[in-house]
Protein backbone atom coordinates (compact mmCIF):
# COMPACT_ATOMS: atom_id res chain seq x y z
CA MET A 1 -16.54 61.57 35.27
CA ASP A 2 -14.71 63.69 32.72
CA ASN A 3 -11.19 64.96 33.35
CA PHE A 4 -8.32 65.96 31.08
CA LEU A 5 -6.97 62.40 30.82
CA ASN A 6 -10.33 60.95 29.78
CA VAL A 7 -10.89 63.59 27.11
CA PHE A 8 -7.30 63.25 25.89
CA ALA A 9 -7.75 59.45 25.69
CA ASP A 10 -10.80 59.99 23.46
CA GLN A 11 -8.62 61.97 21.04
CA VAL A 12 -5.96 59.24 21.09
CA ARG A 13 -8.57 56.66 20.11
CA ARG A 14 -10.14 58.94 17.50
CA ALA A 15 -6.95 59.92 15.65
CA PRO A 16 -3.88 58.12 17.03
CA GLY A 17 -1.65 59.10 14.11
CA ALA A 18 -2.48 62.81 14.10
CA ILE A 19 0.26 65.17 15.34
CA ALA A 20 -0.46 66.19 18.93
CA ALA A 21 2.57 68.29 19.80
CA SER A 22 5.78 69.71 18.34
CA ASP A 23 8.67 71.80 19.60
CA GLY A 24 10.46 72.81 16.43
CA CYS A 25 12.78 69.78 16.44
CA ASN A 26 10.40 66.88 17.09
CA ARG A 27 6.79 65.98 16.55
CA LEU A 28 4.71 63.47 18.50
CA SER A 29 1.48 61.84 17.39
CA TYR A 30 -1.37 61.40 19.83
CA ARG A 31 -0.42 57.73 20.18
CA ASP A 32 3.24 58.59 20.82
CA LEU A 33 2.42 61.29 23.37
CA ASP A 34 0.11 58.88 25.21
CA GLU A 35 2.61 56.01 25.23
CA ILE A 36 5.62 58.15 26.16
CA SER A 37 3.76 59.83 29.02
CA ASP A 38 2.75 56.32 30.16
CA GLY A 39 6.45 55.43 30.22
CA PHE A 40 7.32 58.51 32.21
CA ALA A 41 4.48 57.75 34.63
CA ARG A 42 6.07 54.33 35.21
CA MET A 43 9.35 56.10 36.05
CA LEU A 44 7.50 58.30 38.53
CA ILE A 45 5.90 55.30 40.19
CA ALA A 46 9.29 53.59 40.42
CA ALA A 47 10.58 56.72 42.17
CA SER A 48 7.74 56.37 44.74
CA VAL A 49 5.70 59.32 43.47
CA ARG A 50 2.14 58.75 44.67
CA PRO A 51 -1.32 60.30 44.16
CA GLY A 52 -1.58 63.69 45.82
CA ASP A 53 2.16 64.39 45.70
CA ILE A 54 3.35 67.70 44.23
CA VAL A 55 6.35 67.33 41.92
CA ALA A 56 8.34 70.31 40.62
CA ILE A 57 9.15 70.54 36.90
CA GLY A 58 12.29 72.58 36.23
CA LEU A 59 12.52 71.91 32.49
CA GLU A 60 12.61 74.45 29.70
CA ARG A 61 9.56 74.65 27.47
CA GLY A 62 9.45 71.69 25.12
CA LEU A 63 7.99 68.23 24.65
CA GLY A 64 9.68 67.06 27.84
CA PHE A 65 7.69 69.56 29.89
CA LEU A 66 4.40 68.48 28.32
CA ILE A 67 5.22 64.79 28.80
CA SER A 68 6.06 65.45 32.45
CA MET A 69 2.73 67.21 33.02
CA ILE A 70 0.68 64.38 31.53
CA GLY A 71 2.80 61.69 33.20
CA LEU A 72 2.19 63.29 36.60
CA PHE A 73 -1.56 63.45 35.93
CA LYS A 74 -1.50 59.74 35.11
CA VAL A 75 -0.13 58.84 38.54
CA GLY A 76 -2.48 61.28 40.30
CA ALA A 77 0.28 63.72 41.21
CA ALA A 78 0.27 67.48 40.67
CA TYR A 79 2.98 69.61 39.10
CA LEU A 80 4.72 72.78 40.24
CA PRO A 81 6.39 74.72 37.40
CA LEU A 82 9.75 75.91 38.70
CA ASP A 83 11.23 78.87 36.86
CA ARG A 84 14.94 78.16 36.37
CA THR A 85 15.74 81.90 36.24
CA LEU A 86 14.51 82.61 39.78
CA PRO A 87 17.07 83.01 42.59
CA LEU A 88 17.92 79.78 44.39
CA ASP A 89 16.33 80.89 47.66
CA ARG A 90 13.05 81.71 45.89
CA ARG A 91 12.94 78.26 44.27
CA ALA A 92 13.79 76.62 47.58
CA TYR A 93 10.95 78.54 49.24
CA MET A 94 8.44 77.32 46.65
CA LEU A 95 9.57 73.71 47.03
CA GLU A 96 9.31 73.95 50.80
CA GLN A 97 5.84 75.49 50.68
CA CYS A 98 4.60 72.62 48.47
CA SER A 99 6.40 69.90 50.47
CA CYS A 100 8.06 68.79 47.23
CA ARG A 101 10.37 65.79 47.45
CA TRP A 102 11.12 65.52 43.73
CA LEU A 103 12.31 67.79 40.95
CA ILE A 104 12.10 66.85 37.28
CA ALA A 105 15.15 68.41 35.65
CA GLU A 106 17.75 67.95 32.93
CA ASP A 107 20.78 67.79 35.21
CA ASP A 108 21.70 67.71 38.88
CA ALA A 109 23.33 71.14 38.86
CA GLN A 110 19.98 72.89 38.79
CA LEU A 111 19.11 72.69 42.44
CA GLN A 112 20.91 71.17 45.39
CA ILE A 113 18.69 71.08 48.45
CA ASP A 114 18.61 68.37 51.08
CA GLY A 115 15.53 66.18 50.80
CA ILE A 116 14.84 66.97 47.11
CA GLY A 117 15.19 63.99 44.79
CA LEU A 118 16.09 64.49 41.13
CA LEU A 119 14.06 62.86 38.36
CA THR A 120 15.85 63.35 35.06
CA MET A 121 13.75 63.59 31.92
CA PRO A 122 15.44 61.25 29.39
CA VAL A 123 16.77 62.91 26.26
CA ARG A 124 15.77 59.88 24.16
CA LEU A 125 12.02 59.88 24.53
CA GLU A 126 11.57 56.78 22.40
CA GLY A 127 12.77 54.51 25.20
CA LEU A 128 9.82 55.53 27.35
CA LYS A 129 7.37 53.81 25.01
CA ASP A 130 8.47 50.34 26.11
CA GLY A 131 6.84 48.75 29.12
CA ALA A 132 3.79 47.06 30.55
CA PRO A 133 0.38 48.74 30.27
CA LEU A 134 -0.04 51.49 32.83
CA GLU A 135 -2.78 51.28 35.45
CA ARG A 136 -3.77 54.92 35.61
CA CYS A 137 -4.90 56.69 38.75
CA ILE A 138 -8.58 57.66 38.98
CA LEU A 139 -8.86 61.44 39.05
CA GLU A 140 -11.66 63.21 40.88
CA ASP A 141 -12.86 66.80 40.37
CA ASP A 142 -11.05 67.80 43.55
CA SER A 143 -7.81 65.98 42.69
CA LEU A 144 -5.00 68.54 42.61
CA ALA A 145 -3.68 69.22 39.09
CA TYR A 146 -1.05 71.90 39.59
CA VAL A 147 0.24 74.69 41.82
CA ILE A 148 1.32 78.03 40.36
CA PHE A 149 2.85 80.77 42.51
CA THR A 150 1.97 84.44 42.30
CA SER A 151 4.71 86.91 41.41
CA GLY A 152 5.21 88.05 44.99
CA SER A 153 5.02 91.72 44.01
CA THR A 154 3.03 92.51 47.18
CA GLY A 155 4.97 90.20 49.50
CA MET A 156 6.04 86.59 49.45
CA PRO A 157 4.73 84.52 46.50
CA LYS A 158 1.62 82.48 47.26
CA GLY A 159 0.89 79.07 45.77
CA VAL A 160 -2.46 78.81 43.99
CA MET A 161 -3.85 75.25 43.95
CA VAL A 162 -5.92 74.30 40.89
CA HIS A 163 -7.89 71.06 40.82
CA HIS A 164 -8.75 68.87 37.84
CA GLY A 165 -12.42 69.86 37.74
CA GLY A 166 -11.57 73.55 37.50
CA MET A 167 -8.75 72.95 35.04
CA LEU A 168 -10.97 70.99 32.64
CA ASN A 169 -13.71 73.62 32.86
CA HIS A 170 -11.15 76.26 31.93
CA LEU A 171 -9.86 74.21 28.98
CA LEU A 172 -13.39 73.57 27.69
CA ALA A 173 -14.18 77.28 27.97
CA LYS A 174 -11.10 78.12 25.89
CA VAL A 175 -12.14 75.60 23.23
CA GLU A 176 -15.59 77.20 23.09
CA ASP A 177 -14.53 80.85 23.26
CA LEU A 178 -11.74 80.52 20.68
CA GLY A 179 -13.72 78.28 18.31
CA MET A 180 -11.20 75.45 18.61
CA HIS A 181 -13.61 72.73 17.44
CA LYS A 182 -11.82 72.41 14.08
CA ALA A 183 -8.61 71.05 15.64
CA PRO A 184 -6.38 74.14 15.37
CA ASN A 185 -2.62 74.43 15.72
CA VAL A 186 -2.00 76.50 18.85
CA ALA A 187 1.27 78.28 19.66
CA GLN A 188 2.48 77.58 23.20
CA THR A 189 4.35 80.78 24.05
CA ALA A 190 3.68 81.60 27.72
CA PRO A 191 6.27 80.86 30.41
CA GLN A 192 5.54 77.62 32.26
CA SER A 193 5.17 79.51 35.54
CA PHE A 194 2.23 81.57 34.18
CA ASP A 195 -1.27 80.08 34.23
CA ILE A 196 -1.75 81.06 30.56
CA SER A 197 0.64 78.22 29.73
CA VAL A 198 -1.83 75.61 31.00
CA TRP A 199 -4.50 76.16 28.35
CA GLN A 200 -1.86 76.68 25.66
CA PHE A 201 -0.32 73.30 26.50
CA LEU A 202 -3.48 71.29 27.03
CA ALA A 203 -6.53 72.80 25.29
CA PRO A 204 -5.42 71.69 21.79
CA LEU A 205 -5.12 68.11 23.05
CA ILE A 206 -8.78 67.84 24.04
CA CYS A 207 -10.10 68.94 20.64
CA GLY A 208 -7.77 67.06 18.28
CA GLY A 209 -5.49 70.03 17.66
CA ARG A 210 -1.74 70.46 17.93
CA THR A 211 0.34 72.14 20.61
CA ALA A 212 3.26 73.90 18.91
CA ILE A 213 5.76 74.75 21.67
CA LEU A 214 8.01 77.77 21.07
CA THR A 215 11.10 78.54 23.11
CA ARG A 216 11.47 81.96 24.69
CA SER A 217 14.13 82.96 22.18
CA GLU A 218 11.93 81.88 19.25
CA PHE A 219 9.02 83.90 20.58
CA LEU A 220 11.03 87.09 21.19
CA ASP A 221 12.85 87.03 17.83
CA LEU A 222 10.22 88.23 15.35
CA ASP A 223 11.91 86.61 12.35
CA ARG A 224 12.08 83.23 14.08
CA LEU A 225 8.53 83.65 15.36
CA GLY A 226 7.30 84.29 11.84
CA ALA A 227 9.14 81.22 10.59
CA ARG A 228 7.58 79.00 13.27
CA ILE A 229 4.10 80.38 12.55
CA GLU A 230 4.57 79.40 8.91
CA LEU A 231 6.25 76.04 9.63
CA ASP A 232 3.62 74.89 12.14
CA GLU A 233 0.71 76.54 10.30
CA ILE A 234 -0.32 78.27 13.53
CA ASP A 235 -4.02 79.10 13.81
CA ILE A 236 -4.08 80.60 17.32
CA LEU A 237 -1.36 82.86 18.74
CA GLN A 238 -1.65 84.83 21.98
CA VAL A 239 0.55 87.94 22.27
CA VAL A 240 0.42 91.33 23.96
CA PRO A 241 -0.41 94.26 21.62
CA SER A 242 3.13 95.66 21.61
CA HIS A 243 4.57 92.32 20.46
CA LEU A 244 1.86 91.95 17.82
């Protein structure tokens, strides 16, 4: 049965040395992204994260966020993107609704709630490549991939649960609709808490393309945005008309 991990693994075998993702400072090949996410998955297992668990990711956009997503998929867990700019009580509500016991973050000052364990994403990603081969979890169509909350503009935010079968169908549709068969470089510009971010992060990785992750400040500053478009040779960029 196809799922994101299987299709991604095909790309790793097909072109292990090709660049899979970049964030302005660093670039990872398909082999590196696969091995480093394996290493992070081992850290998750050591922290007792199990299939079906929902783990919050409170990282800024960057390679660490992408590695966390894939690492969680590899252990059969789902991710909850946690917007660091939201009020503390709103973040606490989301964690409670998802029965989260872990938060992937950069430091322990981000959230202090009883019962929430902190998993720190290492700054030196190279160390995650060392370790025994990972026995990956078998994903089914109805295995939970992620939970994204609505804005709450009409009441309390509601968590939307997306499963791996639906996620892969969406990614394949994006590849088809946007003509991504020629391995394009795609700009990842959407906030992690918006569902647009999912295809921007992952669709390039199932067609041999590159995910070029831009920070919020890079995206909003038109001069810096132009520089990143040129540097990463961006083929696909999604923006609202006013920004364009």
